[in-house]
Amino acid sequence: MNGMPTASLLTDGLTTVMVLAGPLVGVLAAVGLVTGILQAATQVNDPALGFLPRVVALVATVWLTGGWMLERLAGMVAGNLAGLGGSGP
């Protein structure tokens, strides 16, 4: 195999996944923490109050960062495919 080593592909893929998931996980953790504090302070234990703010935050985050995420993912895929281009027989 003359292409990129498997370890390099794996490293690129996992790094990209972590970078792309970072904003989503961070926003969801922050919203979950704030929602949990508010539910504990008001003693309202409605499941919808824990779920709906997270969904709204997730949709807003994807809407705001979706272009950057797709650009980053497309760049990683294009770079890896270009590196594998010379691995044919």
N, C-alpha and C. Protein backbone atom coordinates (compact mmCIF):
# COMPACT_ATOMS: atom_id res chain seq x y z
N MET A 1 0.85 -1.17 0.00
CA MET A 1 0.00 0.00 0.00
C MET A 1 0.89 1.23 0.00
N ASN A 2 0.77 2.06 -1.02
CA ASN A 2 1.60 3.24 -1.15
C ASN A 2 0.95 4.50 -0.61
N GLY A 3 -0.31 4.40 -0.14
CA GLY A 3 -1.04 5.58 0.31
C GLY A 3 -0.67 5.99 1.71
N MET A 4 -1.50 6.84 2.27
CA MET A 4 -1.28 7.32 3.62
C MET A 4 -1.40 6.15 4.60
N PRO A 5 -0.61 6.13 5.63
CA PRO A 5 -0.72 5.06 6.62
C PRO A 5 -2.07 5.10 7.33
N THR A 6 -2.50 3.95 7.75
CA THR A 6 -3.79 3.83 8.42
C THR A 6 -3.82 4.65 9.70
N ALA A 7 -2.72 4.69 10.42
CA ALA A 7 -2.67 5.46 11.67
C ALA A 7 -2.90 6.94 11.41
N SER A 8 -2.38 7.45 10.31
CA SER A 8 -2.58 8.86 9.98
C SER A 8 -4.04 9.15 9.65
N LEU A 9 -4.67 8.24 8.91
CA LEU A 9 -6.09 8.40 8.59
C LEU A 9 -6.94 8.35 9.86
N LEU A 10 -6.61 7.43 10.74
CA LEU A 10 -7.35 7.30 11.99
C LEU A 10 -7.17 8.53 12.86
N THR A 11 -5.95 9.04 12.94
CA THR A 11 -5.69 10.23 13.72
C THR A 11 -6.43 11.44 13.16
N ASP A 12 -6.40 11.61 11.85
CA ASP A 12 -7.12 12.72 11.22
C ASP A 12 -8.62 12.62 11.48
N GLY A 13 -9.15 11.43 11.35
CA GLY A 13 -10.58 11.23 11.56
C GLY A 13 -11.01 11.50 12.98
N LEU A 14 -10.27 10.97 13.94
CA LEU A 14 -10.63 11.18 15.35
C LEU A 14 -10.45 12.63 15.78
N THR A 15 -9.40 13.27 15.27
CA THR A 15 -9.21 14.69 15.58
C THR A 15 -10.34 15.53 15.03
N THR A 16 -10.75 15.23 13.81
CA THR A 16 -11.86 15.97 13.20
C THR A 16 -13.15 15.76 13.97
N VAL A 17 -13.41 14.54 14.38
CA VAL A 17 -14.62 14.25 15.15
C VAL A 17 -14.62 15.03 16.47
N MET A 18 -13.50 15.07 17.15
CA MET A 18 -13.42 15.80 18.42
C MET A 18 -13.61 17.30 18.22
N VAL A 19 -12.99 17.83 17.16
CA VAL A 19 -13.10 19.27 16.90
C VAL A 19 -14.54 19.63 16.51
N LEU A 20 -15.19 18.79 15.73
CA LEU A 20 -16.56 19.08 15.31
C LEU A 20 -17.57 18.87 16.44
N ALA A 21 -17.33 17.90 17.30
CA ALA A 21 -18.27 17.62 18.38
C ALA A 21 -18.08 18.57 19.56
N GLY A 22 -16.93 19.22 19.66
CA GLY A 22 -16.64 20.09 20.79
C GLY A 22 -17.68 21.17 21.05
N PRO A 23 -18.01 21.99 20.05
CA PRO A 23 -19.01 23.03 20.30
C PRO A 23 -20.38 22.47 20.69
N LEU A 24 -20.78 21.38 20.06
CA LEU A 24 -22.08 20.79 20.38
C LEU A 24 -22.12 20.28 21.81
N VAL A 25 -21.10 19.54 22.20
CA VAL A 25 -21.06 18.99 23.56
C VAL A 25 -20.95 20.11 24.59
N GLY A 26 -20.16 21.13 24.30
CA GLY A 26 -20.01 22.24 25.23
C GLY A 26 -21.31 22.99 25.45
N VAL A 27 -22.01 23.30 24.37
CA VAL A 27 -23.28 24.02 24.49
C VAL A 27 -24.31 23.17 25.21
N LEU A 28 -24.40 21.89 24.86
CA LEU A 28 -25.38 21.02 25.51
C LEU A 28 -25.07 20.84 26.99
N ALA A 29 -23.80 20.76 27.35
CA ALA A 29 -23.45 20.64 28.76
C ALA A 29 -23.82 21.91 29.53
N ALA A 30 -23.55 23.07 28.94
CA ALA A 30 -23.87 24.33 29.60
C ALA A 30 -25.38 24.49 29.77
N VAL A 31 -26.13 24.19 28.73
CA VAL A 31 -27.59 24.31 28.80
C VAL A 31 -28.15 23.30 29.80
N GLY A 32 -27.61 22.09 29.81
CA GLY A 32 -28.07 21.09 30.77
C GLY A 32 -27.79 21.51 32.21
N LEU A 33 -26.63 22.12 32.44
CA LEU A 33 -26.29 22.58 33.78
C LEU A 33 -27.23 23.70 34.23
N VAL A 34 -27.45 24.67 33.36
CA VAL A 34 -28.34 25.78 33.71
C VAL A 34 -29.77 25.27 33.93
N THR A 35 -30.22 24.38 33.07
CA THR A 35 -31.56 23.82 33.21
C THR A 35 -31.69 23.04 34.51
N GLY A 36 -30.68 22.25 34.84
CA GLY A 36 -30.71 21.49 36.08
C GLY A 36 -30.74 22.39 37.31
N ILE A 37 -29.96 23.47 37.29
CA ILE A 37 -29.96 24.40 38.41
C ILE A 37 -31.32 25.06 38.56
N LEU A 38 -31.91 25.48 37.44
CA LEU A 38 -33.23 26.11 37.50
C LEU A 38 -34.30 25.13 37.98
N GLN A 39 -34.23 23.89 37.53
CA GLN A 39 -35.20 22.90 37.98
C GLN A 39 -35.04 22.61 39.47
N ALA A 40 -33.81 22.56 39.95
CA ALA A 40 -33.58 22.33 41.37
C ALA A 40 -34.04 23.52 42.21
N ALA A 41 -33.82 24.72 41.70
CA ALA A 41 -34.21 25.92 42.46
C ALA A 41 -35.72 26.09 42.51
N THR A 42 -36.40 25.76 41.43
CA THR A 42 -37.85 25.94 41.39
C THR A 42 -38.61 24.67 41.76
N GLN A 43 -37.92 23.56 41.90
CA GLN A 43 -38.51 22.25 42.22
C GLN A 43 -39.57 21.83 41.21
N VAL A 44 -39.35 22.18 39.94
CA VAL A 44 -40.21 21.75 38.85
C VAL A 44 -39.49 20.59 38.16
N ASN A 45 -40.11 19.42 38.17
CA ASN A 45 -39.46 18.24 37.62
C ASN A 45 -40.16 17.75 36.36
N ASP A 46 -40.51 18.64 35.48
CA ASP A 46 -41.15 18.27 34.22
C ASP A 46 -40.07 17.83 33.23
N PRO A 47 -40.18 16.64 32.65
CA PRO A 47 -39.15 16.18 31.70
C PRO A 47 -39.00 17.08 30.48
N ALA A 48 -40.08 17.72 30.06
CA ALA A 48 -40.00 18.60 28.89
C ALA A 48 -39.11 19.81 29.17
N LEU A 49 -39.06 20.26 30.41
CA LEU A 49 -38.22 21.42 30.74
C LEU A 49 -36.73 21.07 30.67
N GLY A 50 -36.40 19.81 30.76
CA GLY A 50 -35.01 19.40 30.61
C GLY A 50 -34.64 19.09 29.18
N PHE A 51 -35.63 18.69 28.38
CA PHE A 51 -35.36 18.25 27.02
C PHE A 51 -35.45 19.38 26.00
N LEU A 52 -36.47 20.19 26.07
CA LEU A 52 -36.70 21.22 25.05
C LEU A 52 -35.59 22.26 24.95
N PRO A 53 -35.05 22.78 26.06
CA PRO A 53 -33.95 23.74 25.91
C PRO A 53 -32.72 23.14 25.24
N ARG A 54 -32.46 21.86 25.50
CA ARG A 54 -31.31 21.21 24.87
C ARG A 54 -31.52 21.07 23.37
N VAL A 55 -32.73 20.73 22.96
CA VAL A 55 -33.01 20.60 21.53
C VAL A 55 -32.89 21.95 20.84
N VAL A 56 -33.43 22.99 21.46
CA VAL A 56 -33.33 24.33 20.88
C VAL A 56 -31.87 24.77 20.79
N ALA A 57 -31.09 24.51 21.83
CA ALA A 57 -29.67 24.87 21.82
C ALA A 57 -28.91 24.08 20.77
N LEU A 58 -29.24 22.80 20.62
CA LEU A 58 -28.58 21.98 19.61
C LEU A 58 -28.88 22.48 18.20
N VAL A 59 -30.14 22.78 17.93
CA VAL A 59 -30.52 23.28 16.60
C VAL A 59 -29.84 24.63 16.33
N ALA A 60 -29.83 25.50 17.33
CA ALA A 60 -29.19 26.81 17.15
C ALA A 60 -27.69 26.67 16.92
N THR A 61 -27.06 25.77 17.64
CA THR A 61 -25.61 25.58 17.48
C THR A 61 -25.28 25.01 16.11
N VAL A 62 -26.06 24.03 15.66
CA VAL A 62 -25.82 23.46 14.33
C VAL A 62 -26.08 24.51 13.26
N TRP A 63 -27.09 25.34 13.45
CA TRP A 63 -27.40 26.38 12.47
C TRP A 63 -26.25 27.41 12.40
N LEU A 64 -25.69 27.75 13.55
CA LEU A 64 -24.62 28.75 13.57
C LEU A 64 -23.28 28.20 13.11
N THR A 65 -22.98 26.95 13.43
CA THR A 65 -21.67 26.40 13.13
C THR A 65 -21.69 25.34 12.03
N GLY A 66 -22.86 25.11 11.43
CA GLY A 66 -22.98 24.06 10.43
C GLY A 66 -22.10 24.26 9.21
N GLY A 67 -21.99 25.48 8.73
CA GLY A 67 -21.14 25.77 7.57
C GLY A 67 -19.68 25.49 7.86
N TRP A 68 -19.24 25.90 9.03
CA TRP A 68 -17.86 25.65 9.43
C TRP A 68 -17.62 24.15 9.57
N MET A 69 -18.58 23.45 10.15
CA MET A 69 -18.43 22.00 10.33
C MET A 69 -18.33 21.28 8.99
N LEU A 70 -19.20 21.64 8.07
CA LEU A 70 -19.16 21.00 6.75
C LEU A 70 -17.88 21.33 6.00
N GLU A 71 -17.42 22.58 6.12
CA GLU A 71 -16.17 22.97 5.47
C GLU A 71 -14.99 22.19 6.03
N ARG A 72 -14.96 22.05 7.33
CA ARG A 72 -13.87 21.31 7.98
C ARG A 72 -13.90 19.82 7.60
N LEU A 73 -15.09 19.24 7.60
CA LEU A 73 -15.23 17.82 7.25
C LEU A 73 -14.90 17.58 5.78
N ALA A 74 -15.35 18.47 4.90
CA ALA A 74 -15.04 18.32 3.48
C ALA A 74 -13.55 18.47 3.22
N GLY A 75 -12.89 19.38 3.93
CA GLY A 75 -11.45 19.54 3.78
C GLY A 75 -10.69 18.30 4.22
N MET A 76 -11.14 17.69 5.31
CA MET A 76 -10.48 16.48 5.79
C MET A 76 -10.68 15.33 4.81
N VAL A 77 -11.89 15.18 4.31
CA VAL A 77 -12.17 14.09 3.36
C VAL A 77 -11.40 14.31 2.06
N ALA A 78 -11.39 15.54 1.55
CA ALA A 78 -10.68 15.81 0.30
C ALA A 78 -9.19 15.58 0.46
N GLY A 79 -8.63 15.99 1.58
CA GLY A 79 -7.21 15.77 1.82
C GLY A 79 -6.86 14.29 1.90
N ASN A 80 -7.71 13.52 2.57
CA ASN A 80 -7.46 12.09 2.69
C ASN A 80 -7.64 11.37 1.36
N LEU A 81 -8.64 11.78 0.58
CA LEU A 81 -8.83 11.15 -0.72
C LEU A 81 -7.69 11.51 -1.68
N ALA A 82 -7.19 12.73 -1.58
CA ALA A 82 -6.06 13.12 -2.43
C ALA A 82 -4.82 12.32 -2.04
N GLY A 83 -4.66 12.05 -0.76
CA GLY A 83 -3.52 11.28 -0.31
C GLY A 83 -3.62 9.82 -0.72
N LEU A 84 -4.82 9.33 -0.87
CA LEU A 84 -5.02 7.94 -1.28
C LEU A 84 -5.05 7.77 -2.79
N GLY A 85 -5.04 8.87 -3.53
CA GLY A 85 -5.17 8.80 -4.99
C GLY A 85 -4.08 7.99 -5.68
N GLY A 86 -2.89 7.98 -5.16
CA GLY A 86 -1.79 7.26 -5.81
C GLY A 86 -1.63 5.84 -5.32
N SER A 87 -2.61 5.29 -4.62
CA SER A 87 -2.43 3.96 -4.04
C SER A 87 -2.97 2.84 -4.95
N GLY A 88 -3.34 3.16 -6.17
CA GLY A 88 -3.87 2.14 -7.08
C GLY A 88 -2.78 1.22 -7.61
N PRO A 89 -3.16 0.18 -8.37
CA PRO A 89 -2.18 -0.79 -8.88
C PRO A 89 -1.28 -0.23 -9.96
